[in-house]
């Protein structure tokens, strides 16, 4: 198995990236009084599916091969809870319920990567979208739900440009419904009850 090392190679991860319109909805959903800490640049907002860490060119090629084998349906994630994770001090938006489509996509991707010999973080996956870092704890808040439709997922590289963290998309893969037919945005993917956060 090729050894992945965070201290060398490019830091790679797979994630869902909100559209520009979705990013505006996300920003508007946060009360001004709770917009704290070091805010992530809008183009950096994402929901991580699998973090790989440092990868060399061989491992990156394996990750791309694995991603091309993933079978999963389009779907939706409903973000409606604002909280701060005390350890890292990050402010995140999370779903109260995780849709079957999102859970299946993450599980299928993690399995494909492992089958291709890549190390996958085995800790329990907690879907979230990071908004800010260096945030002092505040009580959990329920917010008006923001529903994010997804019909593709992407491979990103994390690096710094002029001292600022930046996430650049390297590639993306489209998702199709399990019967092989694309599901149009706003529709319902097989296994989901629509964009309501329920399985």
Protein backbone atom coordinates (compact mmCIF):
# COMPACT_ATOMS: atom_id res chain seq x y z
CA UNK A 1 0.00 0.00 0.00
CA UNK A 2 1.47 3.41 -0.92
CA UNK A 3 2.15 5.36 2.27
CA UNK A 4 0.44 8.73 2.57
CA UNK A 5 2.30 11.39 4.51
CA UNK A 6 0.86 14.80 5.41
CA UNK A 7 4.36 16.31 5.42
CA UNK A 8 5.00 15.56 1.73
CA UNK A 9 3.09 15.61 -1.52
CA UNK A 10 -0.08 17.51 -2.21
CA UNK A 11 -2.83 17.59 0.43
CA UNK A 12 -5.88 16.17 -1.28
CA UNK A 13 -9.52 15.72 -0.32
CA UNK A 14 -12.86 14.92 -1.94
CA UNK A 15 -15.76 17.26 -1.26
CA UNK A 16 -19.02 18.78 -2.41
CA UNK A 17 -18.74 22.43 -3.46
CA UNK A 18 -21.77 24.72 -3.18
CA UNK A 19 -22.67 26.81 -6.20
CA UNK A 20 -22.26 30.58 -6.09
CA UNK A 21 -26.00 30.95 -5.48
CA UNK A 22 -25.83 28.41 -2.65
CA UNK A 23 -22.91 30.27 -1.06
CA UNK A 24 -25.01 33.44 -1.02
CA UNK A 25 -27.84 31.51 0.66
CA UNK A 26 -25.42 30.12 3.24
CA UNK A 27 -24.05 33.57 4.03
CA UNK A 28 -27.53 35.04 4.35
CA UNK A 29 -28.61 32.25 6.70
CA UNK A 30 -26.06 33.24 9.39
CA UNK A 31 -27.22 36.05 11.71
CA UNK A 32 -24.71 38.95 11.57
CA UNK A 33 -24.09 38.67 15.33
CA UNK A 34 -22.82 35.11 14.80
CA UNK A 35 -20.45 35.84 11.91
CA UNK A 36 -17.34 35.42 14.00
CA UNK A 37 -13.70 34.39 13.75
CA UNK A 38 -11.62 34.13 10.60
CA UNK A 39 -14.20 33.61 7.87
CA UNK A 40 -13.41 31.23 5.05
CA UNK A 41 -13.34 32.81 1.62
CA UNK A 42 -16.62 32.03 -0.20
CA UNK A 43 -14.82 30.02 -2.88
CA UNK A 44 -13.31 27.81 -0.14
CA UNK A 45 -16.65 26.64 1.26
CA UNK A 46 -17.09 22.89 0.88
CA UNK A 47 -18.45 19.75 2.54
CA UNK A 48 -15.68 17.17 2.89
CA UNK A 49 -16.46 13.58 1.88
CA UNK A 50 -13.01 12.01 2.36
CA UNK A 51 -9.72 13.63 3.45
CA UNK A 52 -6.62 11.93 2.04
CA UNK A 53 -3.82 14.19 3.27
CA UNK A 54 -0.42 14.30 1.60
CA UNK A 55 -0.34 12.36 -1.68
CA UNK A 56 2.31 11.90 -4.32
CA UNK A 57 1.55 11.68 -8.05
CA UNK A 58 1.00 7.91 -7.90
CA UNK A 59 -1.49 8.21 -5.06
CA UNK A 60 -3.28 11.07 -6.80
CA UNK A 61 -3.64 8.90 -9.90
CA UNK A 62 -5.06 6.06 -7.77
CA UNK A 63 -7.53 8.49 -6.16
CA UNK A 64 -8.74 9.61 -9.57
CA UNK A 65 -9.10 5.98 -10.73
CA UNK A 66 -11.08 5.14 -7.60
CA UNK A 67 -13.39 8.12 -8.02
CA UNK A 68 -14.22 7.06 -11.56
CA UNK A 69 -15.61 3.73 -10.24
CA UNK A 70 -18.02 5.20 -7.67
CA UNK A 71 -21.70 4.54 -8.27
CA UNK A 72 -24.06 6.84 -6.39
CA UNK A 73 -27.18 8.89 -6.99
CA UNK A 74 -27.53 12.67 -6.93
CA UNK A 75 -29.18 14.01 -3.83
CA UNK A 76 -29.44 16.77 -1.29
CA UNK A 77 -28.00 17.88 2.02
CA UNK A 78 -29.98 20.15 4.32
CA UNK A 79 -27.82 22.34 6.56
CA UNK A 80 -29.79 23.75 9.48
CA UNK A 81 -27.62 23.70 12.62
CA UNK A 82 -24.91 26.23 13.50
CA UNK A 83 -22.37 25.19 16.13
CA UNK A 84 -18.75 25.51 17.21
CA UNK A 85 -16.53 22.47 17.59
CA UNK A 86 -14.55 23.32 20.70
CA UNK A 87 -11.34 21.41 19.97
CA UNK A 88 -10.39 23.02 16.66
CA UNK A 89 -12.47 26.15 17.37
CA UNK A 90 -14.29 26.02 14.04
CA UNK A 91 -17.79 27.27 13.35
CA UNK A 92 -19.70 24.79 11.21
CA UNK A 93 -23.06 24.23 9.61
CA UNK A 94 -24.33 20.67 9.97
CA UNK A 95 -27.44 18.69 9.03
CA UNK A 96 -29.67 17.35 11.78
CA UNK A 97 -30.33 14.37 9.52
CA UNK A 98 -28.13 12.93 6.81
CA UNK A 99 -29.88 11.91 3.59
CA UNK A 100 -29.40 8.40 2.27
CA UNK A 101 -27.92 9.77 -0.95
CA UNK A 102 -25.19 11.68 0.89
CA UNK A 103 -24.40 8.80 3.21
CA UNK A 104 -24.16 6.37 0.29
CA UNK A 105 -21.92 8.66 -1.73
CA UNK A 106 -19.46 9.07 1.13
CA UNK A 107 -19.43 5.36 1.97
CA UNK A 108 -19.03 4.26 -1.65
CA UNK A 109 -16.21 6.73 -2.24
CA UNK A 110 -14.35 5.71 0.93
CA UNK A 111 -14.70 2.04 -0.05
CA UNK A 112 -13.42 2.66 -3.59
CA UNK A 113 -10.39 4.56 -2.29
CA UNK A 114 -9.56 1.77 0.16
CA UNK A 115 -9.93 -0.82 -2.62
CA UNK A 116 -7.32 1.14 -4.59
CA UNK A 117 -4.86 0.93 -1.71
CA UNK A 118 -5.30 4.42 -0.27
CA UNK A 119 -5.53 5.08 3.45
CA UNK A 120 -8.89 6.54 4.45
CA UNK A 121 -9.59 8.26 7.77
CA UNK A 122 -11.55 5.64 9.74
CA UNK A 123 -12.92 8.09 12.30
CA UNK A 124 -16.66 8.57 12.25
CA UNK A 125 -17.57 10.89 9.40
CA UNK A 126 -19.44 14.01 10.49
CA UNK A 127 -20.79 15.93 7.49
CA UNK A 128 -20.26 19.66 7.96
CA UNK A 129 -19.45 22.86 6.17
CA UNK A 130 -16.82 25.01 7.91
CA UNK A 131 -17.61 28.73 7.97
CA UNK A 132 -14.87 30.17 10.21
CA UNK A 133 -11.85 29.31 12.33
CA UNK A 134 -10.68 30.70 15.66
CA UNK A 135 -14.24 31.00 16.99
CA UNK A 136 -15.09 31.06 20.68
CA UNK A 137 -17.81 28.58 21.65
CA UNK A 138 -21.44 29.65 21.43
CA UNK A 139 -24.56 27.62 21.97
CA UNK A 140 -25.91 25.52 19.15
CA UNK A 141 -28.47 27.34 17.01
CA UNK A 142 -31.14 26.02 14.69
CA UNK A 143 -31.27 28.15 11.55
CA UNK A 144 -33.56 28.34 8.53
CA UNK A 145 -32.63 25.29 6.48
CA UNK A 146 -30.41 25.72 3.43
CA UNK A 147 -30.89 22.83 0.98
CA UNK A 148 -27.90 22.07 -1.23
CA UNK A 149 -28.53 19.85 -4.24
CA UNK A 150 -25.52 17.86 -5.44
CA UNK A 151 -25.04 15.99 -8.70
CA UNK A 152 -21.24 15.89 -8.73
CA UNK A 153 -18.32 15.69 -6.34
CA UNK A 154 -14.78 16.97 -6.70
CA UNK A 155 -11.15 16.33 -5.87
CA UNK A 156 -9.40 19.33 -4.31
CA UNK A 157 -5.86 20.27 -3.37
CA UNK A 158 -5.21 22.38 -0.28
CA UNK A 159 -2.30 24.81 -0.42
CA UNK A 160 -1.26 28.34 0.48
CA UNK A 161 -0.94 31.24 -1.94
CA UNK A 162 0.73 34.38 -0.56
CA UNK A 163 0.14 33.04 2.94
CA UNK A 164 -3.59 32.43 2.42
CA UNK A 165 -5.18 29.00 2.42
CA UNK A 166 -6.73 28.05 -0.88
CA UNK A 167 -8.61 25.01 -2.14
CA UNK A 168 -8.33 24.39 -5.88
CA UNK A 169 -10.52 21.89 -7.70
CA UNK A 170 -8.51 19.35 -9.69
CA UNK A 171 -11.32 17.24 -11.15
CA UNK A 172 -14.98 16.40 -10.71
CA UNK A 173 -17.28 13.44 -11.38
CA UNK A 174 -20.99 13.62 -12.15
CA UNK A 175 -23.47 11.43 -10.31
CA UNK A 176 -26.36 9.63 -11.96
CA UNK A 177 -29.40 7.89 -10.53
CA UNK A 178 -29.05 4.19 -9.86
CA UNK A 179 -31.00 3.31 -12.98
CA UNK A 180 -28.33 5.05 -15.05
CA UNK A 181 -30.48 8.06 -15.96
CA UNK A 182 -29.41 11.49 -14.75
CA UNK A 183 -31.70 13.04 -12.15
CA UNK A 184 -32.39 16.70 -12.86
CA UNK A 185 -31.67 19.30 -10.14
CA UNK A 186 -34.72 19.76 -8.00
CA UNK A 187 -35.87 16.21 -8.68
CA UNK A 188 -35.67 13.22 -6.40
CA UNK A 189 -32.84 10.75 -6.46
CA UNK A 190 -33.55 7.07 -5.91
CA UNK A 191 -33.50 6.27 -2.20
CA UNK A 192 -34.32 9.82 -1.10
CA UNK A 193 -37.61 11.43 -0.17
CA UNK A 194 -36.54 14.69 -1.76
CA UNK A 195 -34.54 17.59 -0.42
CA UNK A 196 -35.74 17.43 3.18
CA UNK A 197 -32.79 15.84 4.96
CA UNK A 198 -34.58 12.57 5.61
CA UNK A 199 -33.53 9.15 4.41
